[in-house]
Each structure stands twice: as C-alpha cells, then as structure tokens.
C-alpha cells in the first residue's frame, strides 16, 4: 500500500489500516484527525503560534501512542527481537519528526502548516503500514 499523491486522511483512513487492537486503532485515528486539521491550514505559516500548538499536540499524541503500543506489544508476548526492532523504529521515527520540525523552520518563508502536515502524516502512515499492521498477526494468534 502506498500513500496517495494528494494525501487526504479521510480517504487514507480505511479498514486496511486497522490493527485489530482497539486502543491502537483509536490512537491512529486521533493522529490522523489532527493531521487532517493541519492539512486544511493551507495558508497558515510555519512561524505562527498555532503551528507550534499543532506540532506540540501531534508530538504528544505520537509519543503517548508509542508508549501505549509498546506496553501492548509486551502484553501480547511478542518475541523480544520483534519488540526491540519495533521499539527502535519508534525512536527513529521520533527523530525523523524532530528533524522534520527543525527543517520546517528553515523553510518557514516558503512552507505552510499543510506542507509539514503532509510530511508528518506520511512518516506516521508509513510506520503503520510497515510495522503496526504486523500486530494483527499477534492479535489473531
């Protein structure tokens, strides 16, 4: 599965992204919902206070989600190597989000909130597709 060129979380968020773990799926939806709000901010500059608020909320949702997801993975009894790879991916993803935010400030004259939202959502959805969907197998065991 790949991301559509014109990313729209309403089209993007469908049954194929469900992990079968209600808490994880709800957190994914919450992240997507915030991303959708940000995508609508086509003229809002990255230098605005509202962008700072959006990014802080996005960061909080993602970090809370990763913490929850890691607890759930441990409770499912995933093999330690699988848990370690997924946890390392969470750390790498958080670093990518930090870099996207830092990079956005250097481009703030040319980019808007909707531009960075596209980048952030692409990072998260890519993670869901390549990592979180593997949790379906652990749930159905």
C-alpha atoms as a PDB file:
ATOM      1  CA  UNK A   1       0.000   0.000   0.000  1.00  0.00           C
ATOM      2  CA  UNK A   2       1.331   3.429  -0.845  1.00  0.00           C
ATOM      3  CA  UNK A   3       0.250   6.932   0.040  1.00  0.00           C
ATOM      4  CA  UNK A   4      -1.899   8.855  -2.406  1.00  0.00           C
ATOM      5  CA  UNK A   5      -0.236  11.831  -4.092  1.00  0.00           C
ATOM      6  CA  UNK A   6      -2.794  14.239  -2.661  1.00  0.00           C
ATOM      7  CA  UNK A   7      -2.820  12.951   0.882  1.00  0.00           C
ATOM      8  CA  UNK A   8      -6.255  13.064   2.457  1.00  0.00           C
ATOM      9  CA  UNK A   9      -6.629  11.266   5.767  1.00  0.00           C
ATOM     10  CA  UNK A  10     -10.331  10.634   5.161  1.00  0.00           C
ATOM     11  CA  UNK A  11      -9.528   8.652   2.018  1.00  0.00           C
ATOM     12  CA  UNK A  12      -6.407   7.237   3.583  1.00  0.00           C
ATOM     13  CA  UNK A  13      -8.005   6.009   6.783  1.00  0.00           C
ATOM     14  CA  UNK A  14      -9.847   2.845   5.960  1.00  0.00           C
ATOM     15  CA  UNK A  15     -10.212  -0.698   7.208  1.00  0.00           C
ATOM     16  CA  UNK A  16      -6.874  -1.749   5.722  1.00  0.00           C
ATOM     17  CA  UNK A  17      -5.043   0.317   8.379  1.00  0.00           C
ATOM     18  CA  UNK A  18      -6.743  -1.337  11.358  1.00  0.00           C
ATOM     19  CA  UNK A  19      -4.528  -3.454  13.598  1.00  0.00           C
ATOM     20  CA  UNK A  20      -7.376  -5.150  15.441  1.00  0.00           C
ATOM     21  CA  UNK A  21      -6.244  -3.561  18.708  1.00  0.00           C
ATOM     22  CA  UNK A  22      -8.950  -1.018  19.616  1.00  0.00           C
ATOM     23  CA  UNK A  23      -6.693   1.313  21.640  1.00  0.00           C
ATOM     24  CA  UNK A  24      -4.007   1.406  18.953  1.00  0.00           C
ATOM     25  CA  UNK A  25      -6.566   1.913  16.191  1.00  0.00           C
ATOM     26  CA  UNK A  26      -8.234   4.775  18.091  1.00  0.00           C
ATOM     27  CA  UNK A  27      -4.884   6.474  18.675  1.00  0.00           C
ATOM     28  CA  UNK A  28      -4.079   6.130  14.971  1.00  0.00           C
ATOM     29  CA  UNK A  29      -7.436   7.749  14.157  1.00  0.00           C
ATOM     30  CA  UNK A  30      -6.735  10.594  16.612  1.00  0.00           C
ATOM     31  CA  UNK A  31      -3.368  11.268  14.972  1.00  0.00           C
ATOM     32  CA  UNK A  32      -4.995  11.184  11.526  1.00  0.00           C
ATOM     33  CA  UNK A  33      -7.757  13.542  12.679  1.00  0.00           C
ATOM     34  CA  UNK A  34      -5.187  16.094  13.860  1.00  0.00           C
ATOM     35  CA  UNK A  35      -3.270  15.644  10.632  1.00  0.00           C
ATOM     36  CA  UNK A  36      -6.449  16.333   8.695  1.00  0.00           C
ATOM     37  CA  UNK A  37      -6.930  19.600  10.597  1.00  0.00           C
ATOM     38  CA  UNK A  38      -3.359  20.579   9.815  1.00  0.00           C
ATOM     39  CA  UNK A  39      -3.758  19.703   6.127  1.00  0.00           C
ATOM     40  CA  UNK A  40      -6.585  22.230   5.914  1.00  0.00           C
ATOM     41  CA  UNK A  41      -4.237  25.016   7.075  1.00  0.00           C
ATOM     42  CA  UNK A  42      -3.030  25.765   3.554  1.00  0.00           C
ATOM     43  CA  UNK A  43      -2.140  29.400   4.223  1.00  0.00           C
ATOM     44  CA  UNK A  44      -1.005  29.216   7.847  1.00  0.00           C
ATOM     45  CA  UNK A  45       2.743  29.950   8.061  1.00  0.00           C
ATOM     46  CA  UNK A  46       5.088  27.707   9.995  1.00  0.00           C
ATOM     47  CA  UNK A  47       6.147  30.726  12.024  1.00  0.00           C
ATOM     48  CA  UNK A  48       2.668  31.009  13.557  1.00  0.00           C
ATOM     49  CA  UNK A  49       1.945  30.186  17.175  1.00  0.00           C
ATOM     50  CA  UNK A  50      -0.842  27.881  16.003  1.00  0.00           C
ATOM     51  CA  UNK A  51       1.700  25.717  14.158  1.00  0.00           C
ATOM     52  CA  UNK A  52       3.629  25.386  17.415  1.00  0.00           C
ATOM     53  CA  UNK A  53       0.438  24.276  19.130  1.00  0.00           C
ATOM     54  CA  UNK A  54      -0.329  21.784  16.358  1.00  0.00           C
ATOM     55  CA  UNK A  55       3.161  20.319  16.456  1.00  0.00           C
ATOM     56  CA  UNK A  56       3.108  20.039  20.265  1.00  0.00           C
ATOM     57  CA  UNK A  57      -0.231  18.226  20.132  1.00  0.00           C
ATOM     58  CA  UNK A  58       0.977  15.973  17.305  1.00  0.00           C
ATOM     59  CA  UNK A  59       4.145  15.141  19.247  1.00  0.00           C
ATOM     60  CA  UNK A  60       2.149  14.341  22.406  1.00  0.00           C
ATOM     61  CA  UNK A  61      -0.275  12.074  20.533  1.00  0.00           C
ATOM     62  CA  UNK A  62       2.570  10.202  18.857  1.00  0.00           C
ATOM     63  CA  UNK A  63       4.708   9.767  21.987  1.00  0.00           C
ATOM     64  CA  UNK A  64       1.692   8.643  24.044  1.00  0.00           C
ATOM     65  CA  UNK A  65       0.771   6.244  21.263  1.00  0.00           C
ATOM     66  CA  UNK A  66       4.240   4.718  21.119  1.00  0.00           C
ATOM     67  CA  UNK A  67       4.273   4.208  24.881  1.00  0.00           C
ATOM     68  CA  UNK A  68       0.860   2.542  24.769  1.00  0.00           C
ATOM     69  CA  UNK A  69       1.749   0.430  21.771  1.00  0.00           C
ATOM     70  CA  UNK A  70       4.969  -0.822  23.379  1.00  0.00           C
ATOM     71  CA  UNK A  71       3.078  -1.838  26.544  1.00  0.00           C
ATOM     72  CA  UNK A  72       0.522  -3.686  24.440  1.00  0.00           C
ATOM     73  CA  UNK A  73       3.244  -5.425  22.421  1.00  0.00           C
ATOM     74  CA  UNK A  74       4.863  -6.640  25.650  1.00  0.00           C
ATOM     75  CA  UNK A  75       1.497  -7.879  26.934  1.00  0.00           C
ATOM     76  CA  UNK A  76       0.947  -9.808  23.682  1.00  0.00           C
ATOM     77  CA  UNK A  77       4.160 -11.696  24.356  1.00  0.00           C
ATOM     78  CA  UNK A  78       5.874 -10.708  21.123  1.00  0.00           C
ATOM     79  CA  UNK A  79       9.350 -12.175  20.671  1.00  0.00           C
ATOM     80  CA  UNK A  80      11.960  -9.875  22.187  1.00  0.00           C
ATOM     81  CA  UNK A  81      13.737  -9.329  18.856  1.00  0.00           C
ATOM     82  CA  UNK A  82      10.482  -8.215  17.202  1.00  0.00           C
ATOM     83  CA  UNK A  83       9.683  -5.918  20.124  1.00  0.00           C
ATOM     84  CA  UNK A  84      13.196  -4.462  20.013  1.00  0.00           C
ATOM     85  CA  UNK A  85      13.017  -3.737  16.261  1.00  0.00           C
ATOM     86  CA  UNK A  86       9.634  -2.049  16.622  1.00  0.00           C
ATOM     87  CA  UNK A  87      10.784  -0.009  19.630  1.00  0.00           C
ATOM     88  CA  UNK A  88      13.920   1.098  17.776  1.00  0.00           C
ATOM     89  CA  UNK A  89      11.711   2.136  14.875  1.00  0.00           C
ATOM     90  CA  UNK A  90       9.690   4.286  17.284  1.00  0.00           C
ATOM     91  CA  UNK A  91      12.874   6.042  18.394  1.00  0.00           C
ATOM     92  CA  UNK A  92      13.982   6.562  14.798  1.00  0.00           C
ATOM     93  CA  UNK A  93      10.550   7.872  13.890  1.00  0.00           C
ATOM     94  CA  UNK A  94      10.603  10.395  16.739  1.00  0.00           C
ATOM     95  CA  UNK A  95      13.985  11.570  15.486  1.00  0.00           C
ATOM     96  CA  UNK A  96      12.531  11.977  11.981  1.00  0.00           C
ATOM     97  CA  UNK A  97       9.679  14.055  13.414  1.00  0.00           C
ATOM     98  CA  UNK A  98      12.170  16.280  15.230  1.00  0.00           C
ATOM     99  CA  UNK A  99      14.190  16.690  12.040  1.00  0.00           C
ATOM    100  CA  UNK A 100      11.042  17.475  10.026  1.00  0.00           C
ATOM    101  CA  UNK A 101      10.164  20.183  12.539  1.00  0.00           C
ATOM    102  CA  UNK A 102      13.692  21.634  12.549  1.00  0.00           C
ATOM    103  CA  UNK A 103      13.823  21.508   8.758  1.00  0.00           C
ATOM    104  CA  UNK A 104      10.444  23.233   8.548  1.00  0.00           C
ATOM    105  CA  UNK A 105      11.711  26.230  10.491  1.00  0.00           C
ATOM    106  CA  UNK A 106      14.460  26.812   7.941  1.00  0.00           C
ATOM    107  CA  UNK A 107      11.864  26.769   5.163  1.00  0.00           C
ATOM    108  CA  UNK A 108       9.248  28.737   7.059  1.00  0.00           C
ATOM    109  CA  UNK A 109       9.114  31.502   4.472  1.00  0.00           C
ATOM    110  CA  UNK A 110       8.094  29.069   1.717  1.00  0.00           C
ATOM    111  CA  UNK A 111       6.141  26.378   3.524  1.00  0.00           C
ATOM    112  CA  UNK A 112       2.850  26.318   5.344  1.00  0.00           C
ATOM    113  CA  UNK A 113       1.375  24.102   8.052  1.00  0.00           C
ATOM    114  CA  UNK A 114      -0.336  21.941   5.423  1.00  0.00           C
ATOM    115  CA  UNK A 115       3.077  21.184   3.873  1.00  0.00           C
ATOM    116  CA  UNK A 116       4.636  19.933   7.104  1.00  0.00           C
ATOM    117  CA  UNK A 117       1.409  18.089   7.959  1.00  0.00           C
ATOM    118  CA  UNK A 118       1.792  16.118   4.750  1.00  0.00           C
ATOM    119  CA  UNK A 119       5.350  15.177   5.720  1.00  0.00           C
ATOM    120  CA  UNK A 120       4.379  14.211   9.295  1.00  0.00           C
ATOM    121  CA  UNK A 121       1.411  12.115   8.231  1.00  0.00           C
ATOM    122  CA  UNK A 122       3.465  10.379   5.564  1.00  0.00           C
ATOM    123  CA  UNK A 123       6.007   9.380   8.231  1.00  0.00           C
ATOM    124  CA  UNK A 124       3.306   8.040  10.569  1.00  0.00           C
ATOM    125  CA  UNK A 125       1.279   6.198   7.926  1.00  0.00           C
ATOM    126  CA  UNK A 126       4.416   4.613   6.513  1.00  0.00           C
ATOM    127  CA  UNK A 127       5.147   3.325  10.018  1.00  0.00           C
ATOM    128  CA  UNK A 128       1.613   1.962  10.406  1.00  0.00           C
ATOM    129  CA  UNK A 129       1.835   0.153   7.076  1.00  0.00           C
ATOM    130  CA  UNK A 130       5.311  -1.324   7.605  1.00  0.00           C
ATOM    131  CA  UNK A 131       5.253  -2.006  11.359  1.00  0.00           C
ATOM    132  CA  UNK A 132       1.927  -1.664  13.133  1.00  0.00           C
ATOM    133  CA  UNK A 133      -0.067  -3.799  10.731  1.00  0.00           C
ATOM    134  CA  UNK A 134       2.205  -6.692  11.729  1.00  0.00           C
ATOM    135  CA  UNK A 135       0.496  -6.558  15.117  1.00  0.00           C
ATOM    136  CA  UNK A 136      -2.615  -8.093  13.502  1.00  0.00           C
ATOM    137  CA  UNK A 137      -0.809 -11.422  13.485  1.00  0.00           C
ATOM    138  CA  UNK A 138      -0.069 -11.230  17.206  1.00  0.00           C
ATOM    139  CA  UNK A 139      -3.706 -10.413  17.991  1.00  0.00           C
ATOM    140  CA  UNK A 140      -5.107 -13.292  15.941  1.00  0.00           C
ATOM    141  CA  UNK A 141      -2.803 -15.908  17.479  1.00  0.00           C
END
